[in-house]
N, C-alpha and C. Protein backbone atom coordinates (compact mmCIF):
# COMPACT_ATOMS: atom_id res chain seq x y z
N MET A 1 4.18 19.05 -3.19
CA MET A 1 5.06 18.05 -2.62
C MET A 1 4.62 16.66 -3.11
N PRO A 2 5.56 15.83 -3.62
CA PRO A 2 5.18 14.50 -4.12
C PRO A 2 4.61 13.62 -3.02
N LYS A 3 3.64 12.81 -3.44
CA LYS A 3 3.03 11.88 -2.51
C LYS A 3 3.99 10.72 -2.23
N GLU A 4 4.07 10.30 -0.97
CA GLU A 4 4.94 9.19 -0.59
C GLU A 4 4.37 7.88 -1.14
N VAL A 5 5.26 7.07 -1.68
CA VAL A 5 4.85 5.78 -2.23
C VAL A 5 5.05 4.73 -1.16
N LYS A 6 4.00 3.97 -0.91
CA LYS A 6 4.05 2.92 0.11
C LYS A 6 4.82 1.71 -0.40
N GLU A 7 5.35 0.92 0.52
CA GLU A 7 6.04 -0.32 0.16
C GLU A 7 5.06 -1.40 -0.27
N VAL A 8 3.85 -1.38 0.28
CA VAL A 8 2.78 -2.30 -0.13
C VAL A 8 1.58 -1.44 -0.50
N MET A 9 1.08 -1.67 -1.72
CA MET A 9 -0.01 -0.84 -2.25
C MET A 9 -1.22 -1.69 -2.62
N ASP A 10 -2.38 -1.06 -2.61
CA ASP A 10 -3.57 -1.70 -3.16
C ASP A 10 -3.64 -1.34 -4.65
N SER A 11 -4.64 -1.84 -5.35
CA SER A 11 -4.71 -1.64 -6.80
C SER A 11 -4.88 -0.17 -7.17
N ARG A 12 -5.61 0.57 -6.39
CA ARG A 12 -5.80 2.00 -6.67
C ARG A 12 -4.50 2.77 -6.53
N GLU A 13 -3.77 2.47 -5.46
CA GLU A 13 -2.49 3.14 -5.22
C GLU A 13 -1.47 2.77 -6.29
N LEU A 14 -1.46 1.48 -6.69
CA LEU A 14 -0.53 1.06 -7.72
C LEU A 14 -0.88 1.71 -9.06
N ALA A 15 -2.16 1.81 -9.37
CA ALA A 15 -2.58 2.47 -10.61
C ALA A 15 -2.08 3.91 -10.62
N GLU A 16 -2.19 4.59 -9.52
CA GLU A 16 -1.71 5.97 -9.43
C GLU A 16 -0.18 6.01 -9.59
N TYR A 17 0.51 5.10 -8.95
CA TYR A 17 1.97 5.03 -9.01
C TYR A 17 2.46 4.81 -10.44
N LEU A 18 1.79 3.91 -11.18
CA LEU A 18 2.21 3.58 -12.54
C LEU A 18 1.58 4.48 -13.61
N GLY A 19 0.57 5.24 -13.22
CA GLY A 19 -0.11 6.09 -14.19
C GLY A 19 -1.12 5.36 -15.05
N TYR A 20 -1.70 4.31 -14.51
CA TYR A 20 -2.72 3.52 -15.19
C TYR A 20 -4.03 3.60 -14.43
N THR A 21 -5.08 3.02 -15.03
CA THR A 21 -6.34 2.89 -14.33
C THR A 21 -6.31 1.58 -13.54
N PRO A 22 -7.12 1.45 -12.49
CA PRO A 22 -7.21 0.17 -11.79
C PRO A 22 -7.61 -0.98 -12.73
N ARG A 23 -8.45 -0.70 -13.70
CA ARG A 23 -8.86 -1.73 -14.67
C ARG A 23 -7.64 -2.27 -15.43
N THR A 24 -6.73 -1.38 -15.82
CA THR A 24 -5.51 -1.80 -16.51
C THR A 24 -4.63 -2.64 -15.60
N ILE A 25 -4.59 -2.30 -14.32
CA ILE A 25 -3.81 -3.08 -13.36
C ILE A 25 -4.31 -4.52 -13.33
N TYR A 26 -5.62 -4.71 -13.27
CA TYR A 26 -6.18 -6.07 -13.26
C TYR A 26 -5.84 -6.82 -14.55
N LYS A 27 -5.88 -6.11 -15.67
CA LYS A 27 -5.52 -6.72 -16.95
C LYS A 27 -4.05 -7.13 -16.95
N LEU A 28 -3.18 -6.30 -16.41
CA LEU A 28 -1.76 -6.64 -16.34
C LEU A 28 -1.52 -7.86 -15.45
N ILE A 29 -2.29 -8.01 -14.41
CA ILE A 29 -2.18 -9.20 -13.55
C ILE A 29 -2.52 -10.44 -14.37
N ARG A 30 -3.67 -10.39 -15.05
CA ARG A 30 -4.15 -11.55 -15.82
C ARG A 30 -3.28 -11.88 -17.02
N GLU A 31 -2.91 -10.85 -17.78
CA GLU A 31 -2.32 -11.10 -19.09
C GLU A 31 -0.80 -10.93 -19.14
N GLU A 32 -0.24 -10.17 -18.22
CA GLU A 32 1.19 -9.85 -18.32
C GLU A 32 2.01 -10.31 -17.12
N GLY A 33 1.35 -10.96 -16.15
CA GLY A 33 2.08 -11.50 -15.01
C GLY A 33 2.52 -10.47 -13.98
N LEU A 34 1.81 -9.36 -13.89
CA LEU A 34 2.12 -8.37 -12.85
C LEU A 34 2.04 -9.06 -11.49
N PRO A 35 3.11 -9.01 -10.69
CA PRO A 35 3.11 -9.73 -9.41
C PRO A 35 2.15 -9.12 -8.40
N ALA A 36 1.28 -9.95 -7.88
CA ALA A 36 0.27 -9.51 -6.92
C ALA A 36 -0.03 -10.63 -5.94
N THR A 37 -0.46 -10.24 -4.76
CA THR A 37 -0.91 -11.19 -3.76
C THR A 37 -2.35 -10.83 -3.40
N ARG A 38 -3.19 -11.83 -3.34
CA ARG A 38 -4.59 -11.59 -2.97
C ARG A 38 -4.75 -11.87 -1.48
N ILE A 39 -5.23 -10.88 -0.77
CA ILE A 39 -5.47 -10.99 0.67
C ILE A 39 -6.93 -10.65 0.92
N ARG A 40 -7.66 -11.65 1.40
CA ARG A 40 -9.10 -11.49 1.66
C ARG A 40 -9.83 -10.89 0.46
N GLY A 41 -9.48 -11.38 -0.72
CA GLY A 41 -10.18 -10.97 -1.93
C GLY A 41 -9.68 -9.68 -2.56
N GLN A 42 -8.67 -9.05 -1.97
CA GLN A 42 -8.15 -7.81 -2.53
C GLN A 42 -6.68 -7.98 -2.87
N PHE A 43 -6.28 -7.42 -4.00
CA PHE A 43 -4.89 -7.51 -4.42
C PHE A 43 -4.01 -6.53 -3.64
N ARG A 44 -2.80 -6.99 -3.35
CA ARG A 44 -1.76 -6.15 -2.75
C ARG A 44 -0.50 -6.33 -3.57
N PHE A 45 0.28 -5.27 -3.66
CA PHE A 45 1.47 -5.25 -4.51
C PHE A 45 2.64 -4.70 -3.71
N LYS A 46 3.76 -5.42 -3.74
CA LYS A 46 4.99 -4.93 -3.12
C LYS A 46 5.73 -4.06 -4.13
N LYS A 47 6.05 -2.86 -3.73
CA LYS A 47 6.68 -1.90 -4.63
C LYS A 47 7.95 -2.47 -5.25
N ASP A 48 8.81 -3.09 -4.47
CA ASP A 48 10.06 -3.60 -5.03
C ASP A 48 9.82 -4.69 -6.08
N MET A 49 8.80 -5.52 -5.89
CA MET A 49 8.49 -6.56 -6.88
C MET A 49 7.92 -5.95 -8.16
N VAL A 50 7.07 -4.94 -8.02
CA VAL A 50 6.50 -4.26 -9.19
C VAL A 50 7.60 -3.54 -9.96
N ASP A 51 8.49 -2.87 -9.24
CA ASP A 51 9.60 -2.17 -9.89
C ASP A 51 10.49 -3.15 -10.66
N ARG A 52 10.77 -4.29 -10.06
CA ARG A 52 11.59 -5.32 -10.72
C ARG A 52 10.89 -5.85 -11.97
N TRP A 53 9.59 -6.12 -11.85
CA TRP A 53 8.79 -6.60 -12.97
C TRP A 53 8.84 -5.58 -14.11
N LEU A 54 8.69 -4.32 -13.78
CA LEU A 54 8.71 -3.26 -14.79
C LEU A 54 10.09 -3.16 -15.44
N GLU A 55 11.14 -3.22 -14.66
CA GLU A 55 12.51 -3.17 -15.20
C GLU A 55 12.77 -4.36 -16.13
N ASP A 56 12.31 -5.55 -15.74
CA ASP A 56 12.48 -6.74 -16.58
C ASP A 56 11.76 -6.56 -17.92
N ARG A 57 10.55 -6.05 -17.87
CA ARG A 57 9.78 -5.84 -19.10
C ARG A 57 10.45 -4.80 -19.99
N MET A 58 10.98 -3.75 -19.40
CA MET A 58 11.66 -2.72 -20.18
C MET A 58 12.94 -3.28 -20.82
N ARG A 59 13.65 -4.11 -20.09
CA ARG A 59 14.87 -4.72 -20.61
C ARG A 59 14.54 -5.65 -21.77
N LEU A 60 13.50 -6.46 -21.61
CA LEU A 60 13.09 -7.36 -22.69
C LEU A 60 12.65 -6.58 -23.93
N GLU A 61 11.98 -5.48 -23.71
CA GLU A 61 11.54 -4.62 -24.81
C GLU A 61 12.75 -4.05 -25.55
N ASP A 62 13.75 -3.60 -24.79
CA ASP A 62 14.98 -3.07 -25.39
C ASP A 62 15.69 -4.15 -26.19
N GLU A 63 15.76 -5.37 -25.66
CA GLU A 63 16.43 -6.47 -26.35
C GLU A 63 15.72 -6.82 -27.65
N SER A 64 14.39 -6.81 -27.64
CA SER A 64 13.66 -7.13 -28.87
C SER A 64 13.81 -5.99 -29.88
N ASP A 65 13.92 -4.75 -29.44
CA ASP A 65 14.17 -3.63 -30.34
C ASP A 65 15.54 -3.76 -30.99
N ASP A 66 16.54 -4.21 -30.24
CA ASP A 66 17.88 -4.38 -30.78
C ASP A 66 17.91 -5.43 -31.88
N LYS A 67 17.09 -6.47 -31.74
CA LYS A 67 17.06 -7.55 -32.74
C LYS A 67 16.40 -7.12 -34.03
N THR A 68 15.50 -6.14 -33.97
CA THR A 68 14.78 -5.71 -35.17
C THR A 68 15.53 -4.61 -35.91
N ASP A 69 16.57 -4.07 -35.32
CA ASP A 69 17.34 -3.00 -35.99
C ASP A 69 18.28 -3.53 -37.04
């Protein structure tokens, strides 16, 4: 049975959700603008904001692929 995805996740949960390591999640925050909120020194991520960020990145990737064809 699939694991339920929370609306607000910590970095470990988000890494599992996206299929990345927690280290990659921190890199995406620093270098790619992954939306995160720091609460008492720990990052928290809203699922809807992460999903939107991912969709935007995928759309931009598709648009740049169209220009190179």
